[in-house]
C-alpha atoms as a PDB file:
ATOM      1  CA  MET A   1     -76.174  37.628 -14.448  1.00  0.00           C
ATOM      2  CA  ALA A   2     -72.981  38.049 -12.693  1.00  0.00           C
ATOM      3  CA  ASP A   3     -70.179  40.213 -14.175  1.00  0.00           C
ATOM      4  CA  ALA A   4     -67.420  38.493 -15.791  1.00  0.00           C
ATOM      5  CA  ILE A   5     -63.962  38.645 -14.257  1.00  0.00           C
ATOM      6  CA  THR A   6     -60.962  38.884 -16.382  1.00  0.00           C
ATOM      7  CA  TYR A   7     -57.302  38.292 -14.995  1.00  0.00           C
ATOM      8  CA  ALA A   8     -54.283  39.856 -16.500  1.00  0.00           C
ATOM      9  CA  ASP A   9     -50.882  38.357 -15.793  1.00  0.00           C
ATOM     10  CA  LEU A  10     -48.069  41.141 -15.673  1.00  0.00           C
ATOM     11  CA  ARG A  11     -44.717  39.658 -16.216  1.00  0.00           C
ATOM     12  CA  PHE A  12     -41.807  42.122 -15.646  1.00  0.00           C
ATOM     13  CA  VAL A  13     -38.831  41.926 -17.786  1.00  0.00           C
ATOM     14  CA  LYS A  14     -35.562  43.778 -18.137  1.00  0.00           C
ATOM     15  CA  ALA A  15     -35.794  45.674 -21.601  1.00  0.00           C
ATOM     16  CA  PRO A  16     -35.222  49.081 -23.106  1.00  0.00           C
ATOM     17  CA  LEU A  17     -38.153  51.324 -21.980  1.00  0.00           C
ATOM     18  CA  LYS A  18     -38.413  53.216 -25.273  1.00  0.00           C
ATOM     19  CA  LYS A  19     -39.159  50.044 -27.207  1.00  0.00           C
ATOM     20  CA  ILE A  20     -41.834  48.799 -24.787  1.00  0.00           C
ATOM     21  CA  VAL A  21     -43.543  52.244 -24.644  1.00  0.00           C
ATOM     22  CA  SER A  22     -43.229  52.754 -28.466  1.00  0.00           C
ATOM     23  CA  SER A  23     -44.757  49.402 -29.166  1.00  0.00           C
ATOM     24  CA  GLN A  24     -47.559  50.070 -26.820  1.00  0.00           C
ATOM     25  CA  LEU A  25     -48.234  53.594 -27.856  1.00  0.00           C
ATOM     26  CA  GLY A  26     -47.394  53.089 -31.767  1.00  0.00           C
ATOM     27  CA  GLU A  27     -44.560  55.698 -31.621  1.00  0.00           C
ATOM     28  CA  ASP A  28     -41.107  55.974 -32.733  1.00  0.00           C
ATOM     29  CA  PRO A  29     -38.851  53.994 -30.392  1.00  0.00           C
ATOM     30  CA  GLU A  30     -35.967  56.554 -30.772  1.00  0.00           C
ATOM     31  CA  ALA A  31     -37.943  59.127 -29.198  1.00  0.00           C
ATOM     32  CA  TYR A  32     -37.636  57.573 -25.629  1.00  0.00           C
ATOM     33  CA  GLU A  33     -34.666  57.205 -23.601  1.00  0.00           C
ATOM     34  CA  ASP A  34     -33.353  53.999 -22.455  1.00  0.00           C
ATOM     35  CA  GLY A  35     -35.009  52.423 -19.428  1.00  0.00           C
ATOM     36  CA  GLU A  36     -33.855  49.949 -16.702  1.00  0.00           C
ATOM     37  CA  LEU A  37     -36.984  47.929 -15.899  1.00  0.00           C
ATOM     38  CA  THR A  38     -40.438  47.405 -17.825  1.00  0.00           C
ATOM     39  CA  TYR A  39     -42.975  44.807 -18.050  1.00  0.00           C
ATOM     40  CA  GLU A  40     -45.244  43.315 -20.757  1.00  0.00           C
ATOM     41  CA  ASN A  41     -48.744  41.845 -20.588  1.00  0.00           C
ATOM     42  CA  VAL A  42     -49.233  38.080 -21.007  1.00  0.00           C
ATOM     43  CA  GLN A  43     -52.803  37.262 -22.071  1.00  0.00           C
ATOM     44  CA  VAL A  44     -54.206  34.287 -20.041  1.00  0.00           C
ATOM     45  CA  PRO A  45     -57.344  32.357 -21.242  1.00  0.00           C
ATOM     46  CA  SER A  46     -60.718  34.034 -20.140  1.00  0.00           C
ATOM     47  CA  VAL A  47     -62.617  32.567 -17.264  1.00  0.00           C
ATOM     48  CA  PRO A  48     -65.272  30.239 -18.864  1.00  0.00           C
ATOM     49  CA  GLY A  49     -68.445  31.906 -19.350  1.00  0.00           C
ATOM     50  CA  GLY A  50     -67.344  35.426 -19.599  1.00  0.00           C
ATOM     51  CA  PRO A  51     -67.718  37.615 -22.541  1.00  0.00           C
ATOM     52  CA  SER A  52     -64.567  37.778 -24.343  1.00  0.00           C
ATOM     53  CA  GLY A  53     -65.206  41.250 -25.689  1.00  0.00           C
ATOM     54  CA  LEU A  54     -65.870  42.884 -22.252  1.00  0.00           C
ATOM     55  CA  ALA A  55     -62.653  41.071 -20.921  1.00  0.00           C
ATOM     56  CA  SER A  56     -60.596  42.441 -23.756  1.00  0.00           C
ATOM     57  CA  SER A  57     -61.931  46.029 -23.253  1.00  0.00           C
ATOM     58  CA  GLY A  58     -61.350  45.819 -19.542  1.00  0.00           C
ATOM     59  CA  LEU A  59     -57.908  44.526 -19.976  1.00  0.00           C
ATOM     60  CA  GLY A  60     -56.797  47.320 -22.391  1.00  0.00           C
ATOM     61  CA  ASP A  61     -57.824  50.125 -20.124  1.00  0.00           C
ATOM     62  CA  LYS A  62     -56.133  48.697 -17.136  1.00  0.00           C
ATOM     63  CA  SER A  63     -52.976  48.212 -19.262  1.00  0.00           C
ATOM     64  CA  ASP A  64     -53.063  51.907 -20.292  1.00  0.00           C
ATOM     65  CA  LEU A  65     -53.578  53.018 -16.846  1.00  0.00           C
ATOM     66  CA  GLN A  66     -50.513  50.773 -15.521  1.00  0.00           C
ATOM     67  CA  VAL A  67     -48.329  52.160 -18.296  1.00  0.00           C
ATOM     68  CA  SER A  68     -49.184  55.674 -17.423  1.00  0.00           C
ATOM     69  CA  GLN A  69     -48.491  55.177 -13.727  1.00  0.00           C
ATOM     70  CA  LYS A  70     -45.347  53.391 -14.719  1.00  0.00           C
ATOM     71  CA  LEU A  71     -44.249  56.451 -16.893  1.00  0.00           C
ATOM     72  CA  GLN A  72     -45.124  58.729 -13.887  1.00  0.00           C
ATOM     73  CA  GLN A  73     -42.882  56.536 -11.655  1.00  0.00           C
ATOM     74  CA  VAL A  74     -40.062  56.449 -14.370  1.00  0.00           C
ATOM     75  CA  SER A  75     -40.266  60.413 -14.516  1.00  0.00           C
ATOM     76  CA  SER A  76     -40.197  60.726 -11.081  1.00  0.00           C
ATOM     77  CA  VAL A  77     -37.137  58.507 -10.752  1.00  0.00           C
ATOM     78  CA  LEU A  78     -35.767  60.363 -13.696  1.00  0.00           C
ATOM     79  CA  GLU A  79     -36.239  63.678 -11.921  1.00  0.00           C
ATOM     80  CA  ASP A  80     -34.720  62.496  -8.770  1.00  0.00           C
ATOM     81  CA  THR A  81     -31.899  61.130 -10.542  1.00  0.00           C
ATOM     82  CA  ASN A  82     -31.398  64.261 -12.633  1.00  0.00           C
ATOM     83  CA  SER A  83     -31.628  66.264  -9.345  1.00  0.00           C
ATOM     84  CA  SER A  84     -29.070  64.019  -7.748  1.00  0.00           C
ATOM     85  CA  LEU A  85     -26.750  64.327 -10.551  1.00  0.00           C
ATOM     86  CA  GLN A  86     -27.052  67.894 -10.643  1.00  0.00           C
ATOM     87  CA  GLU A  87     -26.179  68.170  -7.084  1.00  0.00           C
ATOM     88  CA  GLN A  88     -23.300  65.820  -7.701  1.00  0.00           C
ATOM     89  CA  LEU A  89     -22.133  68.015 -10.671  1.00  0.00           C
ATOM     90  CA  HIS A  90     -22.271  71.202  -8.633  1.00  0.00           C
ATOM     91  CA  LEU A  91     -20.447  69.598  -5.850  1.00  0.00           C
ATOM     92  CA  ARG A  92     -17.777  68.276  -8.236  1.00  0.00           C
ATOM     93  CA  ILE A  93     -17.674  71.765  -9.887  1.00  0.00           C
ATOM     94  CA  THR A  94     -17.221  73.394  -6.438  1.00  0.00           C
ATOM     95  CA  GLN A  95     -14.373  70.731  -5.765  1.00  0.00           C
ATOM     96  CA  LEU A  96     -12.766  71.524  -8.953  1.00  0.00           C
ATOM     97  CA  GLY A  97     -12.887  75.183  -8.238  1.00  0.00           C
ATOM     98  CA  GLN A  98     -11.386  74.753  -4.820  1.00  0.00           C
ATOM     99  CA  LYS A  99      -8.740  72.583  -6.410  1.00  0.00           C
ATOM    100  CA  GLU A 100      -7.956  75.192  -8.810  1.00  0.00           C
ATOM    101  CA  GLU A 101      -7.780  77.835  -6.228  1.00  0.00           C
ATOM    102  CA  ASN A 102      -5.318  75.582  -4.174  1.00  0.00           C
ATOM    103  CA  LEU A 103      -3.545  74.918  -7.333  1.00  0.00           C
ATOM    104  CA  GLN A 104      -3.264  78.789  -8.016  1.00  0.00           C
ATOM    105  CA  GLU A 105      -2.115  79.382  -4.442  1.00  0.00           C
ATOM    106  CA  SER A 106       0.454  76.602  -4.794  1.00  0.00           C
ATOM    107  CA  LYS A 107       1.756  78.236  -7.953  1.00  0.00           C
ATOM    108  CA  ARG A 108       1.874  81.626  -6.118  1.00  0.00           C
ATOM    109  CA  LYS A 109       3.781  80.162  -3.341  1.00  0.00           C
ATOM    110  CA  LEU A 110       6.041  78.241  -5.666  1.00  0.00           C
ATOM    111  CA  ALA A 111       6.601  81.339  -7.568  1.00  0.00           C
ATOM    112  CA  GLN A 112       7.564  83.105  -4.233  1.00  0.00           C
ATOM    113  CA  SER A 113       9.787  80.441  -3.162  1.00  0.00           C
ATOM    114  CA  GLN A 114      11.590  80.584  -6.531  1.00  0.00           C
ATOM    115  CA  GLU A 115      12.036  84.313  -6.218  1.00  0.00           C
ATOM    116  CA  VAL A 116      13.514  83.761  -2.510  1.00  0.00           C
ATOM    117  CA  LEU A 117      15.657  81.009  -3.923  1.00  0.00           C
ATOM    118  CA  GLN A 118      16.704  83.306  -6.616  1.00  0.00           C
ATOM    119  CA  VAL A 119      17.802  86.224  -4.241  1.00  0.00           C
ATOM    120  CA  ALA A 120      19.537  83.618  -1.853  1.00  0.00           C
ATOM    121  CA  GLN A 121      21.481  82.301  -4.792  1.00  0.00           C
ATOM    122  CA  GLU A 122      22.612  85.740  -5.860  1.00  0.00           C
ATOM    123  CA  ASN A 123      23.446  86.463  -2.222  1.00  0.00           C
ATOM    124  CA  ARG A 124      25.594  83.267  -2.155  1.00  0.00           C
ATOM    125  CA  GLN A 125      27.296  84.037  -5.372  1.00  0.00           C
ATOM    126  CA  ALA A 126      28.067  87.636  -3.989  1.00  0.00           C
ATOM    127  CA  ALA A 127      29.152  86.090  -0.716  1.00  0.00           C
ATOM    128  CA  GLU A 128      31.531  83.722  -2.811  1.00  0.00           C
ATOM    129  CA  GLY A 129      32.865  86.524  -4.721  1.00  0.00           C
ATOM    130  CA  LYS A 130      33.652  88.443  -1.626  1.00  0.00           C
ATOM    131  CA  LEU A 131      35.264  85.371  -0.015  1.00  0.00           C
ATOM    132  CA  LYS A 132      37.492  85.055  -3.101  1.00  0.00           C
ATOM    133  CA  ASP A 133      38.353  88.699  -2.853  1.00  0.00           C
ATOM    134  CA  CYS A 134      39.389  88.232   0.831  1.00  0.00           C
ATOM    135  CA  GLN A 135      41.396  85.205   0.170  1.00  0.00           C
ATOM    136  CA  LEU A 136      43.248  87.014  -2.415  1.00  0.00           C
ATOM    137  CA  ASP A 137      43.719  89.908  -0.049  1.00  0.00           C
ATOM    138  CA  LYS A 138      44.888  87.298   2.663  1.00  0.00           C
ATOM    139  CA  GLU A 139      47.458  85.910   0.297  1.00  0.00           C
ATOM    140  CA  LYS A 140      48.836  89.411  -0.568  1.00  0.00           C
ATOM    141  CA  THR A 141      48.857  90.330   2.860  1.00  0.00           C
ATOM    142  CA  GLN A 142      50.812  87.149   3.822  1.00  0.00           C
ATOM    143  CA  GLU A 143      53.202  87.823   0.956  1.00  0.00           C
ATOM    144  CA  THR A 144      53.576  91.428   2.434  1.00  0.00           C
ATOM    145  CA  LEU A 145      54.179  90.288   5.835  1.00  0.00           C
ATOM    146  CA  GLN A 146      56.721  87.644   4.730  1.00  0.00           C
ATOM    147  CA  ARG A 147      58.694  90.139   2.889  1.00  0.00           C
ATOM    148  CA  GLU A 148      58.635  92.604   5.657  1.00  0.00           C
ATOM    149  CA  GLU A 149      59.652  89.713   7.970  1.00  0.00           C
ATOM    150  CA  ASP A 150      62.461  89.061   5.853  1.00  0.00           C
ATOM    151  CA  GLN A 151      63.439  92.543   5.652  1.00  0.00           C
ATOM    152  CA  ARG A 152      63.291  92.742   9.583  1.00  0.00           C
ATOM    153  CA  ARG A 153      65.472  89.708   9.876  1.00  0.00           C
ATOM    154  CA  ALA A 154      68.074  91.118   7.344  1.00  0.00           C
ATOM    155  CA  LEU A 155      68.151  94.281   9.518  1.00  0.00           C
ATOM    156  CA  GLN A 156      68.413  92.748  12.509  1.00  0.00           C
ATOM    157  CA  GLU A 157      71.466  90.699  11.103  1.00  0.00           C
ATOM    158  CA  ARG A 158      73.015  93.796  10.002  1.00  0.00           C
ATOM    159  CA  LEU A 159      72.389  95.556  13.215  1.00  0.00           C
ATOM    160  CA  HIS A 160      73.990  92.779  15.236  1.00  0.00           C
ATOM    161  CA  ASN A 161      77.040  92.585  12.673  1.00  0.00           C
ATOM    162  CA  MET A 162      77.335  96.457  13.436  1.00  0.00           C
ATOM    163  CA  GLN A 163      77.138  96.072  17.045  1.00  0.00           C
ATOM    164  CA  ASP A 164      79.646  93.230  16.719  1.00  0.00           C
ATOM    165  CA  THR A 165      81.903  95.638  14.750  1.00  0.00           C
ATOM    166  CA  LEU A 166      81.427  98.762  16.808  1.00  0.00           C
ATOM    167  CA  LYS A 167      81.713  96.898  20.389  1.00  0.00           C
ATOM    168  CA  PRO A 168      85.381  97.246  20.812  1.00  0.00           C
ATOM    169  CA  PHE A 169      85.280 100.981  20.221  1.00  0.00           C
ATOM    170  CA  PHE A 170      82.345 101.812  22.497  1.00  0.00           C
ATOM    171  CA  THR A 171      82.652  99.606  25.572  1.00  0.00           C
ATOM    172  CA  CYS A 172      82.674 101.351  28.699  1.00  0.00           C
ATOM    173  CA  HIS A 173      81.799 101.297  32.463  1.00  0.00           C
ATOM    174  CA  CYS A 174      78.450 102.366  32.929  1.00  0.00           C
ATOM    175  CA  CYS A 175      75.883 103.196  35.896  1.00  0.00           C
ATOM    176  CA  PRO A 176      72.264 103.232  35.773  1.00  0.00           C
ATOM    177  CA  VAL A 177      70.475 106.652  35.524  1.00  0.00           C
ATOM    178  CA  ARG A 178      70.862 108.932  38.817  1.00  0.00           C
ATOM    179  CA  TRP A 179      73.853 106.718  39.805  1.00  0.00           C
ATOM    180  CA  ILE A 180      77.386 108.119  39.940  1.00  0.00           C
ATOM    181  CA  LEU A 181      80.327 106.379  38.630  1.00  0.00           C
ATOM    182  CA  ASN A 182      83.654 106.265  40.772  1.00  0.00           C
ATOM    183  CA  GLU A 183      86.381 103.815  39.907  1.00  0.00           C
ATOM    184  CA  TYR A 184      83.872 101.129  38.666  1.00  0.00           C
ATOM    185  CA  ARG A 185      81.505 101.575  41.355  1.00  0.00           C
ATOM    186  CA  CYS A 186      78.084 103.047  41.134  1.00  0.00           C
ATOM    187  CA  PHE A 187      76.717 105.180  43.898  1.00  0.00           C
ATOM    188  CA  TYR A 188      73.099 106.444  44.573  1.00  0.00           C
ATOM    189  CA  PHE A 189      72.325 109.274  46.844  1.00  0.00           C
ATOM    190  CA  SER A 190      68.921 109.330  48.244  1.00  0.00           C
ATOM    191  CA  SER A 191      66.827 112.380  48.728  1.00  0.00           C
ATOM    192  CA  THR A 192      64.719 110.868  51.510  1.00  0.00           C
ATOM    193  CA  HIS A 193      65.431 110.325  55.364  1.00  0.00           C
ATOM    194  CA  GLN A 194      64.995 106.784  56.619  1.00  0.00           C
ATOM    195  CA  THR A 195      66.458 104.607  59.295  1.00  0.00           C
ATOM    196  CA  TRP A 196      69.352 102.591  58.714  1.00  0.00           C
ATOM    197  CA  GLU A 197      67.425  99.160  58.330  1.00  0.00           C
ATOM    198  CA  GLU A 198      64.685 101.137  56.018  1.00  0.00           C
ATOM    199  CA  SER A 199      67.789 102.418  54.088  1.00  0.00           C
ATOM    200  CA  GLN A 200      69.299  98.922  53.499  1.00  0.00           C
ATOM    201  CA  LYS A 201      65.891  97.415  52.419  1.00  0.00           C
ATOM    202  CA  TYR A 202      65.691 100.309  49.886  1.00  0.00           C
ATOM    203  CA  CYS A 203      68.967  99.556  48.611  1.00  0.00           C
ATOM    204  CA  LYS A 204      68.360  95.855  48.123  1.00  0.00           C
ATOM    205  CA  SER A 205      65.168  96.937  46.024  1.00  0.00           C
ATOM    206  CA  LEU A 206      67.652  98.445  43.753  1.00  0.00           C
ATOM    207  CA  SER A 207      69.744  95.429  43.433  1.00  0.00           C
ATOM    208  CA  SER A 208      72.394  97.029  45.610  1.00  0.00           C
ATOM    209  CA  ASN A 209      73.628  97.343  49.053  1.00  0.00           C
ATOM    210  CA  LEU A 210      74.454 100.382  51.339  1.00  0.00           C
ATOM    211  CA  ALA A 211      77.782 101.692  50.322  1.00  0.00           C
ATOM    212  CA  THR A 212      80.919 100.632  51.973  1.00  0.00           C
ATOM    213  CA  PHE A 213      83.912 103.006  52.710  1.00  0.00           C
ATOM    214  CA  ARG A 214      87.155 102.570  54.658  1.00  0.00           C
ATOM    215  CA  ARG A 215      87.785 105.079  57.471  1.00  0.00           C
ATOM    216  CA  ARG A 216      90.514 106.729  55.485  1.00  0.00           C
ATOM    217  CA  ASP A 217      89.144 106.440  52.249  1.00  0.00           C
ATOM    218  CA  TYR A 218      90.003 109.605  50.676  1.00  0.00           C
ATOM    219  CA  SER A 219      88.794 108.500  47.121  1.00  0.00           C
ATOM    220  CA  VAL A 220      85.138 109.184  48.297  1.00  0.00           C
ATOM    221  CA  LYS A 221      85.751 112.807  48.560  1.00  0.00           C
ATOM    222  CA  PRO A 222      84.931 113.669  44.684  1.00  0.00           C
ATOM    223  CA  ILE A 223      81.692 111.933  44.794  1.00  0.00           C
ATOM    224  CA  PHE A 224      80.275 113.722  47.757  1.00  0.00           C
ATOM    225  CA  SER A 225      80.031 116.761  45.656  1.00  0.00           C
ATOM    226  CA  HIS A 226      76.686 115.251  44.258  1.00  0.00           C
ATOM    227  CA  GLY A 227      75.075 114.962  47.598  1.00  0.00           C
ATOM    228  CA  ASP A 228      72.973 117.660  49.263  1.00  0.00           C
ATOM    229  CA  PHE A 229      73.371 116.549  52.906  1.00  0.00           C
ATOM    230  CA  ASN A 230      76.094 116.407  55.381  1.00  0.00           C
ATOM    231  CA  SER A 231      75.688 112.877  56.628  1.00  0.00           C
ATOM    232  CA  TYR A 232      74.473 109.549  55.076  1.00  0.00           C
ATOM    233  CA  TRP A 233      73.771 106.084  56.266  1.00  0.00           C
ATOM    234  CA  ILE A 234      76.566 103.627  54.942  1.00  0.00           C
ATOM    235  CA  SER A 235      77.258  99.875  55.396  1.00  0.00           C
ATOM    236  CA  SER A 236      78.936  99.351  58.743  1.00  0.00           C
ATOM    237  CA  THR A 237      82.508  97.985  58.657  1.00  0.00           C
ATOM    238  CA  ALA A 238      82.893  96.880  62.284  1.00  0.00           C
ATOM    239  CA  ASN A 239      80.983  93.941  64.052  1.00  0.00           C
ATOM    240  CA  LYS A 240      79.225  93.101  60.903  1.00  0.00           C
ATOM    241  CA  ASP A 241      76.945  96.064  60.523  1.00  0.00           C
ATOM    242  CA  GLN A 242      76.331  97.265  63.960  1.00  0.00           C
ATOM    243  CA  TRP A 243      78.217  98.692  67.096  1.00  0.00           C
ATOM    244  CA  ARG A 244      76.878  98.335  70.632  1.00  0.00           C
ATOM    245  CA  THR A 245      77.512 101.256  72.849  1.00  0.00           C
ATOM    246  CA  SER A 246      75.717 101.520  76.270  1.00  0.00           C
ATOM    247  CA  GLY A 247      73.266  98.929  75.006  1.00  0.00           C
ATOM    248  CA  LEU A 248      71.949 100.855  72.233  1.00  0.00           C
ATOM    249  CA  HIS A 249      72.355  99.634  68.447  1.00  0.00           C
ATOM    250  CA  GLU A 250      74.367 101.909  66.399  1.00  0.00           C
ATOM    251  CA  CYS A 251      75.134 102.016  62.864  1.00  0.00           C
ATOM    252  CA  ASN A 252      77.742 103.683  60.373  1.00  0.00           C
ATOM    253  CA  LYS A 253      77.322 106.908  58.888  1.00  0.00           C
ATOM    254  CA  ILE A 254      79.595 109.158  56.805  1.00  0.00           C
ATOM    255  CA  GLN A 255      79.842 112.675  58.024  1.00  0.00           C
ATOM    256  CA  LYS A 256      81.236 115.931  56.544  1.00  0.00           C
ATOM    257  CA  ARG A 257      83.566 117.604  58.880  1.00  0.00           C
ATOM    258  CA  TYR A 258      84.927 120.694  57.402  1.00  0.00           C
ATOM    259  CA  TYR A 259      85.781 121.695  53.706  1.00  0.00           C
ATOM    260  CA  SER A 260      85.594 118.431  51.753  1.00  0.00           C
ATOM    261  CA  TRP A 261      86.825 116.123  54.384  1.00  0.00           C
ATOM    262  CA  TRP A 262      84.519 113.059  55.362  1.00  0.00           C
ATOM    263  CA  ASN A 263      84.915 110.712  58.064  1.00  0.00           C
ATOM    264  CA  ILE A 264      82.950 107.445  59.399  1.00  0.00           C
ATOM    265  CA  GLN A 265      80.970 108.066  62.673  1.00  0.00           C
ATOM    266  CA  SER A 266      78.431 106.054  64.577  1.00  0.00           C
ATOM    267  CA  GLU A 267      74.542 106.952  65.019  1.00  0.00           C
ATOM    268  CA  THR A 268      71.713 105.369  66.393  1.00  0.00           C
ATOM    269  CA  CYS A 269      70.354 102.813  63.905  1.00  0.00           C
ATOM    270  CA  THR A 270      66.795 104.386  64.445  1.00  0.00           C
ATOM    271  CA  SER A 271      67.809 107.811  63.449  1.00  0.00           C
ATOM    272  CA  SER A 272      66.219 109.258  60.106  1.00  0.00           C
ATOM    273  CA  LEU A 273      68.986 110.043  57.621  1.00  0.00           C
ATOM    274  CA  PRO A 274      69.648 109.920  54.060  1.00  0.00           C
ATOM    275  CA  PHE A 275      71.730 106.990  52.587  1.00  0.00           C
ATOM    276  CA  ILE A 276      73.962 105.928  50.027  1.00  0.00           C
ATOM    277  CA  CYS A 277      73.655 102.898  47.689  1.00  0.00           C
ATOM    278  CA  GLU A 278      76.354 100.959  45.959  1.00  0.00           C
ATOM    279  CA  GLN A 279      76.620  98.301  43.116  1.00  0.00           C
ATOM    280  CA  SER A 280      79.285  97.398  40.626  1.00  0.00           C
ATOM    281  CA  SER A 281      79.321  99.085  37.247  1.00  0.00           C
ATOM    282  CA  PHE A 282      78.632  97.259  34.188  1.00  0.00           C
ATOM    283  CA  ARG A 283      80.303  97.078  30.717  1.00  0.00           C
ATOM    284  CA  PHE A 284      78.383  98.634  27.761  1.00  0.00           C
ATOM    285  CA  PRO A 285      77.186  97.059  25.484  1.00  0.00           C
ATOM    286  CA  ASP A 286      78.147  93.613  26.857  1.00  0.00           C
ATOM    287  CA  GLY A 287      74.544  93.159  28.193  1.00  0.00           C
ATOM    288  CA  ASP A 288      71.286  94.684  28.907  1.00  0.00           C
ATOM    289  CA  HIS A 289      70.866  96.246  32.067  1.00  0.00           C
ATOM    290  CA  SER A 290      67.735  97.949  33.524  1.00  0.00           C
ATOM    291  CA  LEU A 291      68.175 101.715  34.474  1.00  0.00           C
ATOM    292  CA  GLN A 292      66.809 102.643  37.786  1.00  0.00           C
END
């Protein structure tokens, strides 16, 4: 007699796992966690001719095996899920720890920046204080300078007034330093020997000319007491600065003859002699004159 075959129709439905398992095992439904996918058996009619008792027994064993396998699968899924969640949690904790460190570092840098800013503000305040002090000193200095300038102007005005008052009493004919005054004329006796032309150039550099004397100018005698030599180049009075004798250029000199007598003679212009410069005297204090 052939064995009877029993068919079981398994239909999967989406229902809480704890309710299905508890209903199958006769346990408390609250003892299980929620599941996502489960199934339930649907009884189908037995194949005709098969024993109903044997079919029911075979179906029950197979259902228990399937439930056990399903529970193992669910347990494996839960373990994998738990492991994944733990990894995610660990990663999240690590990320949060890194963010915490970054936050602490940012706080530290912020504190340092605030300290630097505080120092900069203090320095700025100190600089502003010094600037105010400098501005006050500047104002005081300007006031002092203004007072001194006013005093200087007042003194200058008084000096000018005194000069104007004393001018009529102290005006006189004067000569530069080292020049000799004689009848409103100033004479300079050189201490070096030069040619006539060089002597004339030197006198020009002193804003003067070689001295001019008349041939019988007795008034020159007193001034020659200041000279150290017996002859000096002077300006020529004939033929406009030069005489020509035997084709040679000759120039005027004044020569001491005897005692205090001097007369004008001719001398070769290239000879080396001391010389006398002449310029007009000036009245003091009519104007400023540079002293030679």
